Every structure is written in C-alpha cells, then in structure tokens.
Protein backbone atom coordinates (compact mmCIF):
# COMPACT_ATOMS: atom_id res chain seq x y z
CA UNK A 1 -0.01 0.01 0.00
CA UNK A 2 2.75 2.40 0.91
CA UNK A 3 4.74 1.36 -2.28
CA UNK A 4 1.57 2.14 -4.30
CA UNK A 5 0.94 5.56 -2.62
CA UNK A 6 4.73 6.46 -3.31
CA UNK A 7 4.32 5.44 -7.03
CA UNK A 8 1.07 7.47 -7.33
CA UNK A 9 2.91 10.47 -5.64
CA UNK A 10 5.94 10.13 -8.11
CA UNK A 11 3.45 9.82 -11.07
CA UNK A 12 1.49 12.84 -9.87
CA UNK A 13 4.83 15.02 -9.39
CA UNK A 14 5.91 14.02 -13.03
CA UNK A 15 2.70 14.89 -14.43
CA UNK A 16 2.71 18.32 -12.74
CA UNK A 17 6.36 18.78 -13.96
CA UNK A 18 5.31 18.17 -17.71
CA UNK A 19 2.25 20.43 -17.15
CA UNK A 20 4.04 23.47 -15.92
CA UNK A 21 6.75 23.07 -18.64
CA UNK A 22 4.01 22.83 -21.01
CA UNK A 23 2.59 26.09 -19.95
CA UNK A 24 6.05 27.75 -20.01
CA UNK A 25 6.25 26.75 -23.72
CA UNK A 26 2.77 28.18 -24.35
CA UNK A 27 3.79 31.48 -22.84
CA UNK A 28 7.19 31.38 -24.76
CA UNK A 29 5.24 31.01 -28.00
CA UNK A 30 3.02 34.08 -27.02
CA UNK A 31 6.13 36.20 -26.24
CA UNK A 32 7.74 35.17 -29.61
CA UNK A 33 4.52 36.28 -31.43
CA UNK A 34 4.54 39.43 -29.58
CA UNK A 35 8.00 40.43 -30.69
CA UNK A 36 7.41 39.01 -34.16
CA UNK A 37 4.36 41.36 -34.25
CA UNK A 38 6.10 44.51 -33.00
CA UNK A 39 9.07 44.06 -35.50
CA UNK A 40 6.60 43.81 -38.43
CA UNK A 41 6.86 47.70 -39.22
CA UNK A 42 10.46 47.86 -38.62
CA UNK A 43 11.34 45.26 -41.12
CA UNK A 44 8.57 46.20 -43.62
CA UNK A 45 9.34 49.99 -43.38
CA UNK A 46 11.17 50.22 -46.58
CA UNK A 47 8.34 48.65 -48.57
CA UNK A 48 5.61 50.60 -46.55
CA UNK A 49 7.43 53.92 -47.48
CA UNK A 50 6.86 53.17 -51.17
CA UNK A 51 3.16 53.42 -50.31
CA UNK A 52 3.03 55.78 -47.47
CA UNK A 53 5.68 58.48 -46.96
CA UNK A 54 7.35 58.09 -43.44
CA UNK A 55 10.28 60.22 -42.23
CA UNK A 56 12.74 59.39 -39.41
CA UNK A 57 11.01 61.59 -37.18
CA UNK A 58 7.45 59.94 -38.10
CA UNK A 59 8.99 56.63 -37.65
CA UNK A 60 10.03 57.45 -34.10
CA UNK A 61 6.56 58.44 -33.52
CA UNK A 62 5.32 55.05 -34.53
CA UNK A 63 7.57 53.54 -31.98
CA UNK A 64 6.73 55.93 -29.43
CA UNK A 65 2.99 55.59 -29.92
CA UNK A 66 3.45 51.96 -29.49
CA UNK A 67 5.56 52.16 -26.25
CA UNK A 68 3.37 54.87 -24.59
CA UNK A 69 0.31 52.53 -24.69
CA UNK A 70 2.62 49.49 -24.06
CA UNK A 71 3.76 51.26 -20.89
CA UNK A 72 0.20 52.25 -19.63
CA UNK A 73 -1.20 48.83 -20.15
CA UNK A 74 1.89 47.22 -18.69
CA UNK A 75 0.86 48.67 -15.30
CA UNK A 76 -2.73 48.45 -15.76
CA UNK A 77 -2.77 44.81 -17.32
CA UNK A 78 -0.52 43.57 -14.54
CA UNK A 79 -3.23 44.85 -12.06
CA UNK A 80 -6.01 43.23 -14.02
CA UNK A 81 -4.38 39.92 -14.05
CA UNK A 82 -4.02 39.95 -10.26
CA UNK A 83 -7.64 40.70 -10.22
CA UNK A 84 -9.18 38.49 -12.66
CA UNK A 85 -6.62 35.48 -13.17
CA UNK A 86 -4.20 34.36 -15.73
CA UNK A 87 -6.20 32.38 -18.13
CA UNK A 88 -9.06 34.95 -18.86
CA UNK A 89 -6.71 37.89 -18.84
CA UNK A 90 -4.07 36.39 -21.25
CA UNK A 91 -6.72 35.44 -23.52
CA UNK A 92 -8.20 39.06 -24.05
CA UNK A 93 -4.73 40.34 -24.13
CA UNK A 94 -3.69 38.10 -27.10
CA UNK A 95 -7.06 38.80 -28.85
CA UNK A 96 -6.66 42.66 -28.61
CA UNK A 97 -3.25 42.79 -30.03
CA UNK A 98 -3.77 40.18 -32.92
CA UNK A 99 -6.86 42.25 -34.16
CA UNK A 100 -4.75 45.39 -33.84
CA UNK A 101 -1.77 43.87 -35.82
CA UNK A 102 -4.20 42.69 -38.48
CA UNK A 103 -5.72 46.40 -38.97
CA UNK A 104 -2.17 47.46 -39.96
CA UNK A 105 -2.60 45.77 -43.25
CA UNK A 106 -5.56 48.13 -44.02
CA UNK A 107 -3.53 51.43 -43.53
CA UNK A 108 -3.57 54.06 -46.22
CA UNK A 109 -1.98 56.96 -44.21
CA UNK A 110 0.58 57.52 -41.39
CA UNK A 111 -2.24 58.58 -38.95
CA UNK A 112 -3.83 55.10 -39.44
CA UNK A 113 -0.57 53.13 -38.78
CA UNK A 114 0.04 55.45 -35.86
CA UNK A 115 -3.22 54.53 -34.25
CA UNK A 116 -2.79 50.82 -34.90
CA UNK A 117 0.64 50.89 -33.33
CA UNK A 118 -0.95 52.28 -30.20
CA UNK A 119 -3.58 49.70 -30.02
CA UNK A 120 -0.86 47.02 -30.68
CA UNK A 121 0.99 48.46 -27.67
CA UNK A 122 -2.19 48.26 -25.53
CA UNK A 123 -2.49 44.60 -26.03
CA UNK A 124 1.01 43.52 -25.77
CA UNK A 125 1.51 45.56 -22.53
CA UNK A 126 0.04 42.57 -20.77
CA UNK A 127 2.13 39.77 -22.00
CA UNK A 128 5.12 39.94 -19.59
CA UNK A 129 2.85 40.38 -16.46
CA UNK A 130 0.96 37.34 -17.57
CA UNK A 131 4.38 35.48 -18.07
CA UNK A 132 5.68 36.45 -14.72
CA UNK A 133 2.29 35.20 -13.12
CA UNK A 134 2.51 31.82 -14.92
CA UNK A 135 6.11 31.46 -13.49
CA UNK A 136 5.11 32.45 -9.96
CA UNK A 137 2.01 30.38 -10.07
CA UNK A 138 3.64 27.01 -11.43
CA UNK A 139 7.27 27.10 -10.82
CA UNK A 140 9.28 26.80 -7.56
CA UNK A 141 11.98 29.49 -6.89
CA UNK A 142 14.97 27.47 -7.94
CA UNK A 143 13.49 26.94 -11.58
CA UNK A 144 11.91 30.37 -11.96
CA UNK A 145 14.94 32.35 -13.44
CA UNK A 146 15.45 29.12 -15.86
CA UNK A 147 11.59 29.38 -16.68
CA UNK A 148 11.82 33.10 -17.27
CA UNK A 149 14.85 32.84 -19.44
CA UNK A 150 13.24 30.32 -21.67
CA UNK A 151 10.23 32.40 -21.84
CA UNK A 152 12.24 35.61 -22.48
CA UNK A 153 13.94 33.48 -25.30
CA UNK A 154 10.61 33.86 -27.06
CA UNK A 155 11.73 37.50 -27.65
CA UNK A 156 14.61 36.24 -29.64
CA UNK A 157 12.57 33.57 -31.52
CA UNK A 158 9.89 36.31 -32.54
CA UNK A 159 12.63 38.79 -33.58
CA UNK A 160 14.80 36.16 -35.30
CA UNK A 161 11.98 34.89 -37.45
CA UNK A 162 10.85 38.36 -38.44
CA UNK A 163 13.46 39.55 -40.83
CA UNK A 164 13.50 36.24 -42.99
CA UNK A 165 9.67 35.51 -42.87
CA UNK A 166 8.65 39.08 -43.35
CA UNK A 167 11.13 39.61 -46.04
CA UNK A 168 9.60 36.50 -47.83
CA UNK A 169 6.08 37.75 -47.62
CA UNK A 170 7.35 41.25 -48.63
CA UNK A 171 8.85 39.77 -51.77
CA UNK A 172 5.89 37.60 -52.75
CA UNK A 173 2.85 39.23 -51.41
CA UNK A 174 3.44 42.65 -50.43
CA UNK A 175 3.63 44.59 -47.03
CA UNK A 176 -0.14 44.27 -46.25
CA UNK A 177 0.04 40.48 -46.23
CA UNK A 178 2.70 40.65 -43.44
CA UNK A 179 0.10 42.00 -41.06
CA UNK A 180 -2.74 39.71 -41.94
CA UNK A 181 -0.53 36.86 -41.42
CA UNK A 182 0.82 37.75 -38.21
CA UNK A 183 -2.66 38.48 -36.82
CA UNK A 184 -3.87 34.93 -37.91
CA UNK A 185 -0.96 33.38 -35.91
CA UNK A 186 -2.20 35.33 -32.90
CA UNK A 187 -5.70 34.07 -33.18
CA UNK A 188 -4.53 30.36 -33.29
CA UNK A 189 -2.57 30.83 -30.18
CA UNK A 190 -5.68 32.09 -28.24
CA UNK A 191 -7.38 28.80 -29.17
CA UNK A 192 -4.39 26.73 -28.10
CA UNK A 193 -4.25 28.71 -24.46
CA UNK A 194 -7.93 28.66 -23.85
CA UNK A 195 -8.12 24.85 -24.35
CA UNK A 196 -4.83 24.09 -22.52
CA UNK A 197 -4.48 26.57 -19.59
CA UNK A 198 -5.52 26.10 -16.00
CA UNK A 199 -4.50 27.87 -12.86
CA UNK A 200 -2.51 26.30 -10.15
CA UNK A 201 -4.11 26.08 -6.67
CA UNK A 202 -1.20 24.67 -4.76
CA UNK A 203 1.80 26.88 -4.93
CA UNK A 204 5.35 25.72 -3.93
CA UNK A 205 6.00 27.20 -0.60
CA UNK A 206 7.25 25.04 2.16
CA UNK A 207 5.23 26.64 4.71
CA UNK A 208 1.48 26.52 3.09
CA UNK A 209 0.16 28.53 6.02
CA UNK A 210 2.74 31.49 5.60
CA UNK A 211 2.05 31.33 1.76
CA UNK A 212 -1.59 31.70 2.31
CA UNK A 213 -1.30 34.47 4.78
CA UNK A 214 1.13 36.48 2.63
CA UNK A 215 -1.12 36.20 -0.47
CA UNK A 216 -4.02 37.51 1.78
CA UNK A 217 -1.94 40.38 2.92
CA UNK A 218 -0.55 41.23 -0.64
CA UNK A 219 -4.11 41.48 -1.89
CA UNK A 220 -4.87 44.17 0.53
CA UNK A 221 -1.59 46.20 -0.46
CA UNK A 222 -2.75 49.28 -2.37
CA UNK A 223 -1.16 50.30 -5.54
CA UNK A 224 0.27 53.27 -3.80
CA UNK A 225 2.01 50.94 -1.21
CA UNK A 226 3.51 48.92 -3.88
CA UNK A 227 4.77 52.10 -5.70
CA UNK A 228 6.26 53.37 -2.49
CA UNK A 229 8.62 50.44 -1.92
CA UNK A 230 12.24 51.10 -2.59
CA UNK A 231 12.79 47.81 -4.19
CA UNK A 232 10.05 48.25 -6.55
CA UNK A 233 11.20 51.64 -7.37
CA UNK A 234 14.84 50.43 -8.13
CA UNK A 235 13.47 47.79 -10.31
CA UNK A 236 11.40 50.18 -12.27
CA UNK A 237 14.49 52.49 -12.67
CA UNK A 238 16.81 49.77 -13.80
CA UNK A 239 14.22 48.53 -16.34
CA UNK A 240 13.72 52.34 -17.48
CA UNK A 241 17.60 52.63 -18.36
CA UNK A 242 17.89 49.14 -19.87
CA UNK A 243 14.80 49.31 -22.15
CA UNK A 244 15.67 52.67 -23.29
CA UNK A 245 18.68 50.83 -24.89
CA UNK A 246 16.84 47.66 -25.76
CA UNK A 247 13.97 49.24 -27.69
CA UNK A 248 16.53 51.45 -29.69
CA UNK A 249 18.56 48.56 -30.72
CA UNK A 250 15.29 46.47 -31.45
CA UNK A 251 13.44 48.99 -33.50
CA UNK A 252 16.20 50.74 -35.18
CA UNK A 253 18.62 48.08 -35.97
CA UNK A 254 16.75 47.25 -39.44
CA UNK A 255 16.63 51.07 -40.27
CA UNK A 256 20.24 51.32 -39.20
CA UNK A 257 21.40 48.58 -41.72
CA UNK A 258 18.98 50.29 -44.40
CA UNK A 259 20.22 53.89 -43.75
CA UNK A 260 23.88 53.53 -42.60
CA UNK A 261 25.03 50.32 -44.08
CA UNK A 262 23.24 50.44 -47.44
CA UNK A 263 21.33 47.15 -46.88
CA UNK A 264 18.38 46.42 -49.11
CA UNK A 265 15.22 44.10 -47.92
CA UNK A 266 17.02 40.82 -49.00
CA UNK A 267 20.15 41.70 -47.05
CA UNK A 268 18.19 42.60 -44.07
CA UNK A 269 16.45 39.19 -44.34
CA UNK A 270 19.78 37.49 -44.57
CA UNK A 271 21.72 39.03 -41.75
CA UNK A 272 19.34 40.88 -39.40
CA UNK A 273 18.45 37.82 -37.38
CA UNK A 274 21.81 37.18 -36.28
CA UNK A 275 21.80 39.44 -33.18
CA UNK A 276 18.32 38.22 -32.46
CA UNK A 277 19.63 34.71 -32.28
CA UNK A 278 22.18 35.64 -29.84
CA UNK A 279 19.56 37.51 -27.65
CA UNK A 280 17.82 34.01 -27.35
CA UNK A 281 20.86 32.22 -26.25
CA UNK A 282 21.48 34.99 -23.69
CA UNK A 283 17.91 34.71 -22.40
CA UNK A 284 18.33 30.98 -21.73
CA UNK A 285 21.98 31.10 -20.47
CA UNK A 286 21.11 34.02 -18.03
CA UNK A 287 18.49 32.27 -16.37
CA UNK A 288 20.19 28.98 -16.28
CA UNK A 289 23.32 30.43 -14.82
CA UNK A 290 21.26 32.21 -11.91
CA UNK A 291 19.26 29.04 -11.23
CA UNK A 292 22.36 27.03 -11.00
CA UNK A 293 23.97 29.47 -8.58
CA UNK A 294 20.86 29.17 -6.59
CA UNK A 295 20.81 25.43 -6.52
CA UNK A 296 24.31 25.31 -5.53
CA UNK A 297 23.64 27.20 -2.20
CA UNK A 298 24.11 30.70 -3.16
CA UNK A 299 21.71 33.42 -2.02
CA UNK A 300 18.84 34.70 -4.09
CA UNK A 301 20.43 37.92 -3.80
CA UNK A 302 23.90 36.88 -5.22
CA UNK A 303 22.41 34.56 -7.68
CA UNK A 304 20.49 37.33 -9.45
CA UNK A 305 22.79 40.39 -8.89
CA UNK A 306 25.95 38.62 -10.16
CA UNK A 307 24.67 37.66 -13.49
CA UNK A 308 22.90 41.05 -13.98
CA UNK A 309 26.41 42.71 -13.32
CA UNK A 310 28.20 40.55 -15.92
CA UNK A 311 25.45 41.44 -18.39
CA UNK A 312 25.61 45.17 -17.63
CA UNK A 313 29.54 45.22 -18.18
CA UNK A 314 29.01 43.61 -21.74
CA UNK A 315 26.87 46.27 -23.08
CA UNK A 316 29.22 48.88 -23.92
CA UNK A 317 30.31 46.80 -26.85
CA UNK A 318 27.64 48.43 -28.69
CA UNK A 319 29.52 51.68 -28.51
CA UNK A 320 32.05 50.35 -31.14
CA UNK A 321 29.47 49.62 -33.74
CA UNK A 322 29.71 52.57 -36.04
CA UNK A 323 33.66 52.32 -36.05
CA UNK A 324 33.89 48.59 -37.55
CA UNK A 325 33.04 46.72 -40.73
CA UNK A 326 29.48 45.52 -41.10
CA UNK A 327 30.38 42.00 -40.30
CA UNK A 328 32.09 43.12 -36.92
CA UNK A 329 29.22 45.46 -36.33
CA UNK A 330 26.78 42.47 -36.27
CA UNK A 331 29.09 40.65 -33.99
CA UNK A 332 29.02 43.75 -31.53
CA UNK A 333 25.27 43.81 -31.83
CA UNK A 334 25.10 40.19 -31.06
CA UNK A 335 27.06 40.68 -27.91
CA UNK A 336 24.69 43.39 -26.70
CA UNK A 337 21.57 41.59 -27.62
CA UNK A 338 22.72 38.43 -25.86
CA UNK A 339 23.74 40.57 -22.61
CA UNK A 340 20.50 42.68 -22.65
CA UNK A 341 18.04 39.64 -22.91
CA UNK A 342 19.89 37.89 -20.23
CA UNK A 343 19.45 40.93 -18.09
CA UNK A 344 15.84 41.29 -19.15
CA UNK A 345 14.74 37.72 -18.12
CA UNK A 346 16.35 38.13 -14.67
CA UNK A 347 14.84 41.51 -14.02
CA UNK A 348 11.21 40.08 -14.79
CA UNK A 349 12.01 37.25 -12.50
CA UNK A 350 12.67 39.44 -9.55
CA UNK A 351 9.11 40.14 -8.82
CA UNK A 352 8.26 36.51 -8.59
CA UNK A 353 11.11 35.85 -6.43
CA UNK A 354 10.13 38.79 -3.96
CA UNK A 355 6.31 39.18 -3.93
CA UNK A 356 3.34 36.53 -3.37
CA UNK A 357 1.36 35.58 -6.46
CA UNK A 358 -1.41 38.17 -5.70
CA UNK A 359 1.01 41.00 -6.05
CA UNK A 360 3.26 39.62 -9.00
CA UNK A 361 1.07 41.06 -11.72
CA UNK A 362 1.04 44.56 -10.34
CA UNK A 363 4.78 44.76 -9.70
CA UNK A 364 5.94 43.17 -12.83
CA UNK A 365 3.59 45.61 -14.54
CA UNK A 366 5.12 48.46 -12.96
CA UNK A 367 8.66 47.38 -13.95
CA UNK A 368 7.60 46.89 -17.48
CA UNK A 369 6.01 50.28 -17.51
CA UNK A 370 9.28 51.80 -16.56
CA UNK A 371 11.07 49.94 -19.39
CA UNK A 372 8.58 50.92 -21.99
CA UNK A 373 8.56 54.64 -20.87
CA UNK A 374 12.30 54.57 -21.10
CA UNK A 375 12.09 53.19 -24.51
CA UNK A 376 9.61 55.69 -25.64
CA UNK A 377 11.54 58.80 -24.42
CA UNK A 378 14.67 57.59 -25.72
CA UNK A 379 12.95 56.77 -29.10
CA UNK A 380 11.56 60.31 -29.41
CA UNK A 381 15.31 61.64 -28.59
CA UNK A 382 16.71 59.35 -31.21
CA UNK A 383 14.39 60.31 -33.85
CA UNK A 384 14.94 64.10 -33.08
CA UNK A 385 18.77 63.72 -33.08
CA UNK A 386 18.96 61.97 -36.14
CA UNK A 387 16.66 64.54 -37.82
CA UNK A 388 18.91 67.51 -36.85
CA UNK A 389 22.08 65.90 -38.31
CA UNK A 390 23.38 63.73 -35.47
CA UNK A 391 24.91 60.36 -36.46
CA UNK A 392 23.94 56.77 -35.05
CA UNK A 393 27.55 56.74 -33.55
CA UNK A 394 26.30 59.33 -30.75
CA UNK A 395 23.13 57.30 -29.91
CA UNK A 396 25.13 53.94 -29.58
CA UNK A 397 27.69 55.80 -27.39
CA UNK A 398 24.70 56.60 -24.98
CA UNK A 399 22.93 53.43 -25.08
CA UNK A 400 26.24 51.58 -24.15
CA UNK A 401 25.93 52.93 -20.73
CA UNK A 402 22.51 52.51 -19.82
CA UNK A 403 22.69 48.98 -18.32
CA UNK A 404 25.58 50.16 -16.18
CA UNK A 405 23.62 52.80 -14.70
CA UNK A 406 20.67 50.62 -14.11
CA UNK A 407 22.65 48.12 -12.27
CA UNK A 408 24.17 50.65 -9.98
CA UNK A 409 20.64 51.91 -9.11
CA UNK A 410 19.44 48.23 -8.53
CA UNK A 411 22.36 47.64 -6.32
CA UNK A 412 22.59 50.93 -4.18
CA UNK A 413 18.83 51.51 -4.15
CA UNK A 414 17.24 48.18 -4.65
CA UNK A 415 18.56 46.66 -1.22
CA UNK A 416 18.71 42.74 -0.91
CA UNK A 417 16.51 40.44 -3.13
CA UNK A 418 14.66 38.20 -0.85
CA UNK A 419 11.23 36.93 -0.51
CA UNK A 420 8.80 39.11 1.29
CA UNK A 421 7.19 37.20 4.29
CA UNK A 422 3.93 37.84 6.22
CA UNK A 423 5.98 40.13 8.76
CA UNK A 424 7.47 42.01 5.86
CA UNK A 425 4.19 42.95 4.48
CA UNK A 426 2.60 43.90 7.74
CA UNK A 427 5.42 46.33 8.31
CA UNK A 428 4.70 47.74 4.84
CA UNK A 429 0.93 48.25 5.62
CA UNK A 430 1.88 49.84 9.04
CA UNK A 431 4.06 52.37 7.41
CA UNK A 432 1.78 53.35 4.86
C-alpha cells in the first residue's frame, strides 16, 4: 500500500512537471508572437514607405505610440491579471493585439498606422505580467529564472524569425499580407491557450500557512503602497534605463542597416536575424546560470545580481558598432543583444522571487511600465537627434552606458533581493 502511494505520488509529481513546462512553452510562444508582431513595421518599413511616406521623425512617432500605450497597459494589465486571473486575462490580451496587428494591413495613411501601433501596444503590454504570473504560479523558486529565461528567449525567436519571414512575404505578397499573417497566428494561439491552460491552486511554498497569509496580505496592499517600496522603485528605474537601450536597438537595427550600411530588404532578411539569435541564447543562459547558482547554495540576492552585473558590463560593446566593418558590427550587436536579454529575463524574474502571487502582476507591470517609458522617451530623442544631423554613433555611445547605470541603481537603491514574508508585508502596511 505504501509502495503504491509512493508510486502515485511520483506519477503525480511527474505529471505536474510536464504540465508546468507545457505552460512555460505556451507563454514562450506568446512572447515570440508579440516580438514578431512588433517587428513587422521595422522590417517592412522600406516597402511601406513606397506607399505611405514616413520620415525618421515619423518613424520614431510610430515606435513611441506603441511604447506609450504599452507602458500604460503594462501597469494596468498587471493589476488586471491579479484581479481576474491569468487564463482569462491572457486570452483577452492576445485577442486585442492580434486584431490590432491585422488592422495595420488596411493602412493608407501615417495616421492610421500610428493609431494601430498605439492599439498594438495596449494589447502587448499585458504579455510579460502574465508570463511572470505563470512562472510564480507554477514554478518553484529554484526553477523560476530558468523558466523566465526560456520565456524571454521567445523574444529572440519572434525577432529572429521576423526578418527572413517578413522579407519572404514582402517579396511575394506585399507588406499588407505581413500584418494579416501575423494576426492570424495570434488567433490560433488564443485557441491553444484557452483549451490548454488552467490555474494552479497549490503553490510551492514550504510553509503553506505562511504562503496563504502572505497572499492574503498582498491582496490588501494598495497600488500606492507597492509603488512606494524602494525595491520596486529600483527595479522600475533599472528597467527604464535598460529598455531605453533595448528598444532603440530592437526598433532601429533594421533601419540602421538600411540607412547607414546600405542594406536592402534581401540583405536585412539574410543578416538581421543574427543578433536576435544571440539574444535568445542570452535569455536562456542568463536564467540557467542564475538558477545554477541558487541550486548550488548561493543566496537569491547573489544569484540574481552577479549575472545582472556581468550582463551590464558587456553592453558597452555596442559603442564600437559605427567604427567597424559591418560583419564586426553584427558581432557587436550580437554581444549586446545576448547581454540585454539575459538581463531582461532576470529583471522580470525578481517580482516572482520577492512578492506573493497576488501582487506579482502589479509589480511586474510597474517594472515593464518603467521599461516602456524609457524606450519611448529615448526613441523620441533618437528620432529628433537623427533628424537634426546627429549620427547613429552618438546614439550608440549613449545606449552602451544605460545598463551600467541601471545596475548601480539596483545595487545601491534596491537593497537585498529576498522573498517578502508575512511580517514584511505587515510592516509595509503599518508604514503606509
């Protein structure tokens, strides 16, 4: 009888292991779709300009329109997910952005494209808060960084596939078909998610009573109380700085290759995927290394910050991009993309490390909000500077330092990374 009970327990454990990694794969696919969708206009811009005239300044407005709504819905979407749950919330999020992506294909004016980019950002703003909730809901602490690294690698998959696939569609079907195809993929994912996902009711805390109590208290934390935490502020600022660099590289890399390196659509299709492939490797390895440190007995604080510091130290490589031949420039981009996405996966894991599930969406939403605002602001600055005669070299010199600034803020302002317990939450409430 005991042997049978033990066997049943092992089988149940194995079944749960398969299930939670199936959900991680589902979320990874969603993140890949989101990055494919947001890259559509960057890769297709040369073809779109043949129909709709778009200047550098207007191109920056398209990215800013996306990022402003992305930022707002990152925060609001995170709070919504905490209120209504992951399954329904993520379904609505993906439906919204897939419709918005499809509607790009009907554009005849710059204004239409701008509105559609704004709507696309509204939908995609909820993706990473939902991903962080899935990780918090289904993964134990020692596996979270690996899972989030895996999920964050979806950004690379989507970005990597975008140049060759979009280039292929552009050559054979035109730029409008790019948006129709991308939207259809999103609709198929919603069906997969709705049929597959269910929410966990168990959690992974060693002390179930402590977990239940902390979740209950976290639900009672107001939005202003969460915003007032120094650790949250440090994460938001770190993400603000790093994503200012990331979104510039993400959105402007194809255009840089068109403008400064003389690439055409075929060349961008052939070569622009390389840095995105490196970003996928960085996403996975960053999470794996941090999880390995944690499993080996290192503290949560060290396991996260050591890898983040190494990532930040690699980012100045991008400063050299304008000074070298294009083959070496792609290598330097690859180093920067590798480090950035390793960094990003860990930053988005920390809310799940620190906060109970009932507050994770709100915190991760605030962190993503900071990142999107950073990207929006620097995108406007980049467009204005290029429009007034500045070179890409000046912009690369700036973005090469942003992660270092963000890391220093995290170290000196953020304090120690550790799980909040019931007593910590009570103290937060008493100080409010």
